[in-house]
PDB file of N, CA and C in Angstrom:
ATOM      1  N   MET A   1     154.088 -17.528 -26.167  1.00  0.00           N
ATOM      2  CA  MET A   1     154.465 -16.277 -26.776  1.00  0.00           C
ATOM      3  C   MET A   1     155.409 -16.556 -27.939  1.00  0.00           C
ATOM      4  N   SER A   2     155.146 -15.945 -29.033  1.00  0.00           N
ATOM      5  CA  SER A   2     155.997 -16.174 -30.202  1.00  0.00           C
ATOM      6  C   SER A   2     157.286 -15.362 -30.108  1.00  0.00           C
ATOM      7  N   THR A   3     158.240 -15.751 -30.919  1.00  0.00           N
ATOM      8  CA  THR A   3     159.530 -15.080 -30.922  1.00  0.00           C
ATOM      9  C   THR A   3     159.398 -13.638 -31.414  1.00  0.00           C
ATOM     10  N   LEU A   4     158.537 -13.398 -32.369  1.00  0.00           N
ATOM     11  CA  LEU A   4     158.330 -12.031 -32.870  1.00  0.00           C
ATOM     12  C   LEU A   4     157.768 -11.133 -31.768  1.00  0.00           C
ATOM     13  N   PHE A   5     156.803 -11.645 -31.029  1.00  0.00           N
ATOM     14  CA  PHE A   5     156.200 -10.899 -29.933  1.00  0.00           C
ATOM     15  C   PHE A   5     157.255 -10.559 -28.875  1.00  0.00           C
ATOM     16  N   ARG A   6     158.090 -11.535 -28.530  1.00  0.00           N
ATOM     17  CA  ARG A   6     159.144 -11.301 -27.551  1.00  0.00           C
ATOM     18  C   ARG A   6     160.180 -10.314 -28.076  1.00  0.00           C
ATOM     19  N   SER A   7     160.501 -10.412 -29.350  1.00  0.00           N
ATOM     20  CA  SER A   7     161.485  -9.500 -29.942  1.00  0.00           C
ATOM     21  C   SER A   7     160.978  -8.062 -29.954  1.00  0.00           C
ATOM     22  N   VAL A   8     159.717  -7.878 -30.262  1.00  0.00           N
ATOM     23  CA  VAL A   8     159.132  -6.531 -30.273  1.00  0.00           C
ATOM     24  C   VAL A   8     159.155  -5.945 -28.865  1.00  0.00           C
ATOM     25  N   PHE A   9     158.778  -6.752 -27.869  1.00  0.00           N
ATOM     26  CA  PHE A   9     158.818  -6.258 -26.497  1.00  0.00           C
ATOM     27  C   PHE A   9     160.245  -5.992 -26.037  1.00  0.00           C
ATOM     28  N   THR A  10     161.191  -6.780 -26.476  1.00  0.00           N
ATOM     29  CA  THR A  10     162.588  -6.551 -26.115  1.00  0.00           C
ATOM     30  C   THR A  10     163.075  -5.218 -26.672  1.00  0.00           C
ATOM     31  N   VAL A  11     162.769  -4.946 -27.921  1.00  0.00           N
ATOM     32  CA  VAL A  11     163.167  -3.671 -28.524  1.00  0.00           C
ATOM     33  C   VAL A  11     162.480  -2.505 -27.813  1.00  0.00           C
ATOM     34  N   ALA A  12     161.203  -2.669 -27.478  1.00  0.00           N
ATOM     35  CA  ALA A  12     160.479  -1.607 -26.770  1.00  0.00           C
ATOM     36  C   ALA A  12     161.088  -1.353 -25.392  1.00  0.00           C
ATOM     37  N   ILE A  13     161.424  -2.408 -24.677  1.00  0.00           N
ATOM     38  CA  ILE A  13     162.035  -2.257 -23.351  1.00  0.00           C
ATOM     39  C   ILE A  13     163.400  -1.594 -23.458  1.00  0.00           C
ATOM     40  N   LEU A  14     164.192  -1.981 -24.449  1.00  0.00           N
ATOM     41  CA  LEU A  14     165.515  -1.388 -24.616  1.00  0.00           C
ATOM     42  C   LEU A  14     165.436   0.085 -25.015  1.00  0.00           C
ATOM     43  N   LEU A  15     164.472   0.443 -25.852  1.00  0.00           N
ATOM     44  CA  LEU A  15     164.296   1.852 -26.212  1.00  0.00           C
ATOM     45  C   LEU A  15     163.844   2.678 -25.007  1.00  0.00           C
ATOM     46  N   LEU A  16     162.954   2.126 -24.210  1.00  0.00           N
ATOM     47  CA  LEU A  16     162.515   2.813 -23.004  1.00  0.00           C
ATOM     48  C   LEU A  16     163.675   2.974 -22.021  1.00  0.00           C
ATOM     49  N   ALA A  17     164.476   1.927 -21.880  1.00  0.00           N
ATOM     50  CA  ALA A  17     165.634   1.998 -20.987  1.00  0.00           C
ATOM     51  C   ALA A  17     166.647   3.026 -21.485  1.00  0.00           C
ATOM     52  N   PHE A  18     166.824   3.114 -22.797  1.00  0.00           N
ATOM     53  CA  PHE A  18     167.743   4.116 -23.349  1.00  0.00           C
ATOM     54  C   PHE A  18     167.240   5.529 -23.054  1.00  0.00           C
ATOM     55  N   GLY A  19     165.955   5.750 -23.200  1.00  0.00           N
ATOM     56  CA  GLY A  19     165.389   7.061 -22.878  1.00  0.00           C
ATOM     57  C   GLY A  19     165.551   7.404 -21.409  1.00  0.00           C
ATOM     58  N   LEU A  20     165.323   6.441 -20.537  1.00  0.00           N
ATOM     59  CA  LEU A  20     165.508   6.681 -19.108  1.00  0.00           C
ATOM     60  C   LEU A  20     166.976   6.901 -18.759  1.00  0.00           C
ATOM     61  N   LEU A  21     167.874   6.217 -19.451  1.00  0.00           N
ATOM     62  CA  LEU A  21     169.304   6.395 -19.208  1.00  0.00           C
ATOM     63  C   LEU A  21     169.757   7.800 -19.611  1.00  0.00           C
ATOM     64  N   THR A  22     169.286   8.290 -20.734  1.00  0.00           N
ATOM     65  CA  THR A  22     169.655   9.654 -21.129  1.00  0.00           C
ATOM     66  C   THR A  22     169.072  10.676 -20.156  1.00  0.00           C
ATOM     67  N   GLU A  23     167.875  10.410 -19.637  1.00  0.00           N
ATOM     68  CA  GLU A  23     167.298  11.305 -18.630  1.00  0.00           C
ATOM     69  C   GLU A  23     168.111  11.261 -17.339  1.00  0.00           C
ATOM     70  N   ALA A  24     168.604  10.091 -16.970  1.00  0.00           N
ATOM     71  CA  ALA A  24     169.438   9.967 -15.768  1.00  0.00           C
ATOM     72  C   ALA A  24     170.742  10.739 -15.941  1.00  0.00           C
ATOM     73  N   PHE A  25     171.344  10.649 -17.122  1.00  0.00           N
ATOM     74  CA  PHE A  25     172.569  11.421 -17.372  1.00  0.00           C
ATOM     75  C   PHE A  25     172.288  12.919 -17.357  1.00  0.00           C
ATOM     76  N   HIS A  26     171.119  13.307 -17.850  1.00  0.00           N
ATOM     77  CA  HIS A  26     170.740  14.714 -17.807  1.00  0.00           C
ATOM     78  C   HIS A  26     170.605  15.173 -16.351  1.00  0.00           C
ATOM     79  N   LEU A  27     169.999  14.340 -15.512  1.00  0.00           N
ATOM     80  CA  LEU A  27     169.878  14.684 -14.096  1.00  0.00           C
ATOM     81  C   LEU A  27     171.246  14.798 -13.429  1.00  0.00           C
ATOM     82  N   MET A  28     172.148  13.901 -13.776  1.00  0.00           N
ATOM     83  CA  MET A  28     173.468  13.922 -13.161  1.00  0.00           C
ATOM     84  C   MET A  28     174.273  15.152 -13.575  1.00  0.00           C
ATOM     85  N   ASN A  29     173.882  15.795 -14.663  1.00  0.00           N
ATOM     86  CA  ASN A  29     174.593  16.974 -15.148  1.00  0.00           C
ATOM     87  C   ASN A  29     174.071  18.267 -14.504  1.00  0.00           C
ATOM     88  N   GLN A  30     173.038  18.172 -13.685  1.00  0.00           N
ATOM     89  CA  GLN A  30     172.482  19.346 -13.007  1.00  0.00           C
ATOM     90  C   GLN A  30     173.363  19.726 -11.817  1.00  0.00           C
ATOM     91  N   PRO A  31     173.329  20.990 -11.392  1.00  0.00           N
ATOM     92  CA  PRO A  31     174.209  21.419 -10.298  1.00  0.00           C
ATOM     93  C   PRO A  31     173.768  20.955  -8.909  1.00  0.00           C
ATOM     94  N   SER A  32     172.620  20.348  -8.772  1.00  0.00           N
ATOM     95  CA  SER A  32     172.111  19.942  -7.471  1.00  0.00           C
ATOM     96  C   SER A  32     172.633  18.562  -7.059  1.00  0.00           C
ATOM     97  N   ASP A  33     172.922  18.410  -5.765  1.00  0.00           N
ATOM     98  CA  ASP A  33     173.338  17.104  -5.251  1.00  0.00           C
ATOM     99  C   ASP A  33     172.182  16.107  -5.302  1.00  0.00           C
ATOM    100  N   ARG A  34     170.971  16.608  -5.082  1.00  0.00           N
ATOM    101  CA  ARG A  34     169.786  15.743  -5.127  1.00  0.00           C
ATOM    102  C   ARG A  34     169.573  15.183  -6.531  1.00  0.00           C
ATOM    103  N   ALA A  35     169.795  15.987  -7.541  1.00  0.00           N
ATOM    104  CA  ALA A  35     169.665  15.522  -8.925  1.00  0.00           C
ATOM    105  C   ALA A  35     170.739  14.485  -9.247  1.00  0.00           C
ATOM    106  N   LEU A  36     171.951  14.696  -8.728  1.00  0.00           N
ATOM    107  CA  LEU A  36     173.028  13.729  -8.944  1.00  0.00           C
ATOM    108  C   LEU A  36     172.663  12.378  -8.339  1.00  0.00           C
ATOM    109  N   MET A  37     172.173  12.389  -7.109  1.00  0.00           N
ATOM    110  CA  MET A  37     171.782  11.133  -6.454  1.00  0.00           C
ATOM    111  C   MET A  37     170.577  10.497  -7.152  1.00  0.00           C
ATOM    112  N   GLY A  38     169.675  11.321  -7.652  1.00  0.00           N
ATOM    113  CA  GLY A  38     168.531  10.790  -8.397  1.00  0.00           C
ATOM    114  C   GLY A  38     168.959  10.115  -9.692  1.00  0.00           C
ATOM    115  N   GLY A  39     169.929  10.696 -10.381  1.00  0.00           N
ATOM    116  CA  GLY A  39     170.448  10.092 -11.604  1.00  0.00           C
ATOM    117  C   GLY A  39     171.165   8.787 -11.337  1.00  0.00           C
ATOM    118  N   ILE A  40     171.945   8.756 -10.264  1.00  0.00           N
ATOM    119  CA  ILE A  40     172.645   7.523  -9.899  1.00  0.00           C
ATOM    120  C   ILE A  40     171.641   6.444  -9.513  1.00  0.00           C
ATOM    121  N   ALA A  41     170.623   6.807  -8.755  1.00  0.00           N
ATOM    122  CA  ALA A  41     169.598   5.841  -8.359  1.00  0.00           C
ATOM    123  C   ALA A  41     168.840   5.308  -9.576  1.00  0.00           C
ATOM    124  N   MET A  42     168.575   6.187 -10.540  1.00  0.00           N
ATOM    125  CA  MET A  42     167.871   5.750 -11.751  1.00  0.00           C
ATOM    126  C   MET A  42     168.726   4.768 -12.550  1.00  0.00           C
ATOM    127  N   ILE A  43     170.019   5.022 -12.648  1.00  0.00           N
ATOM    128  CA  ILE A  43     170.911   4.112 -13.373  1.00  0.00           C
ATOM    129  C   ILE A  43     171.003   2.763 -12.665  1.00  0.00           C
ATOM    130  N   LEU A  44     171.122   2.785 -11.348  1.00  0.00           N
ATOM    131  CA  LEU A  44     171.165   1.524 -10.603  1.00  0.00           C
ATOM    132  C   LEU A  44     169.859   0.744 -10.745  1.00  0.00           C
ATOM    133  N   GLY A  45     168.747   1.457 -10.756  1.00  0.00           N
ATOM    134  CA  GLY A  45     167.456   0.802 -10.975  1.00  0.00           C
ATOM    135  C   GLY A  45     167.364   0.163 -12.348  1.00  0.00           C
ATOM    136  N   LEU A  46     167.875   0.849 -13.355  1.00  0.00           N
ATOM    137  CA  LEU A  46     167.877   0.281 -14.705  1.00  0.00           C
ATOM    138  C   LEU A  46     168.779  -0.935 -14.800  1.00  0.00           C
ATOM    139  N   VAL A  47     169.942  -0.867 -14.139  1.00  0.00           N
ATOM    140  CA  VAL A  47     170.872  -2.003 -14.174  1.00  0.00           C
ATOM    141  C   VAL A  47     170.231  -3.228 -13.533  1.00  0.00           C
ATOM    142  N   LEU A  48     169.412  -3.029 -12.526  1.00  0.00           N
ATOM    143  CA  LEU A  48     168.746  -4.154 -11.875  1.00  0.00           C
ATOM    144  C   LEU A  48     167.479  -4.593 -12.600  1.00  0.00           C
ATOM    145  N   ALA A  49     166.689  -3.653 -13.082  1.00  0.00           N
ATOM    146  CA  ALA A  49     165.360  -3.982 -13.603  1.00  0.00           C
ATOM    147  C   ALA A  49     165.375  -4.527 -15.029  1.00  0.00           C
ATOM    148  N   VAL A  50     166.162  -3.931 -15.908  1.00  0.00           N
ATOM    149  CA  VAL A  50     166.104  -4.318 -17.325  1.00  0.00           C
ATOM    150  C   VAL A  50     166.523  -5.772 -17.543  1.00  0.00           C
ATOM    151  N   PRO A  51     167.638  -6.246 -16.986  1.00  0.00           N
ATOM    152  CA  PRO A  51     167.959  -7.666 -17.197  1.00  0.00           C
ATOM    153  C   PRO A  51     166.926  -8.614 -16.585  1.00  0.00           C
ATOM    154  N   MET A  52     166.359  -8.214 -15.442  1.00  0.00           N
ATOM    155  CA  MET A  52     165.356  -9.053 -14.809  1.00  0.00           C
ATOM    156  C   MET A  52     164.084  -9.151 -15.671  1.00  0.00           C
ATOM    157  N   ILE A  53     163.671  -8.040 -16.245  1.00  0.00           N
ATOM    158  CA  ILE A  53     162.494  -8.038 -17.122  1.00  0.00           C
ATOM    159  C   ILE A  53     162.760  -8.859 -18.378  1.00  0.00           C
ATOM    160  N   LEU A  54     163.937  -8.684 -18.976  1.00  0.00           N
ATOM    161  CA  LEU A  54     164.255  -9.442 -20.186  1.00  0.00           C
ATOM    162  C   LEU A  54     164.388 -10.940 -19.894  1.00  0.00           C
ATOM    163  N   HIS A  55     164.937 -11.291 -18.742  1.00  0.00           N
ATOM    164  CA  HIS A  55     165.027 -12.700 -18.384  1.00  0.00           C
ATOM    165  C   HIS A  55     163.635 -13.304 -18.207  1.00  0.00           C
ATOM    166  N   THR A  56     162.747 -12.567 -17.561  1.00  0.00           N
ATOM    167  CA  THR A  56     161.380 -13.038 -17.373  1.00  0.00           C
ATOM    168  C   THR A  56     160.664 -13.180 -18.714  1.00  0.00           C
ATOM    169  N   LEU A  57     160.909 -12.266 -19.621  1.00  0.00           N
ATOM    170  CA  LEU A  57     160.267 -12.306 -20.925  1.00  0.00           C
ATOM    171  C   LEU A  57     160.744 -13.488 -21.762  1.00  0.00           C
ATOM    172  N   TRP A  58     162.038 -13.791 -21.723  1.00  0.00           N
ATOM    173  CA  TRP A  58     162.597 -14.830 -22.575  1.00  0.00           C
ATOM    174  C   TRP A  58     162.705 -16.205 -21.900  1.00  0.00           C
ATOM    175  N   ARG A  59     162.286 -16.311 -20.647  1.00  0.00           N
ATOM    176  CA  ARG A  59     162.364 -17.602 -19.955  1.00  0.00           C
ATOM    177  C   ARG A  59     161.419 -18.603 -20.600  1.00  0.00           C
ATOM    178  N   ARG A  60     161.916 -19.811 -20.782  1.00  0.00           N
ATOM    179  CA  ARG A  60     161.104 -20.890 -21.359  1.00  0.00           C
ATOM    180  C   ARG A  60     160.407 -21.628 -20.242  1.00  0.00           C
ATOM    181  N   ASN A  61     159.103 -21.835 -20.379  1.00  0.00           N
ATOM    182  CA  ASN A  61     158.330 -22.573 -19.358  1.00  0.00           C
ATOM    183  C   ASN A  61     158.125 -23.993 -19.793  1.00  0.00           C
TER     184      ASN A  61
END
């Protein structure tokens, strides 16, 4: 995989993560306890998934 290809995917993943993060904050701003827990779960999922995906993408074989 070339560096340009990896860079494009990195930017795409980061933009997707930013969109999901803003949606999680929107959920946390709702008056429901279920929405609050859903937003927290989404943020924790992003904290775990995004670095793992980027590490897999940039790992040298």
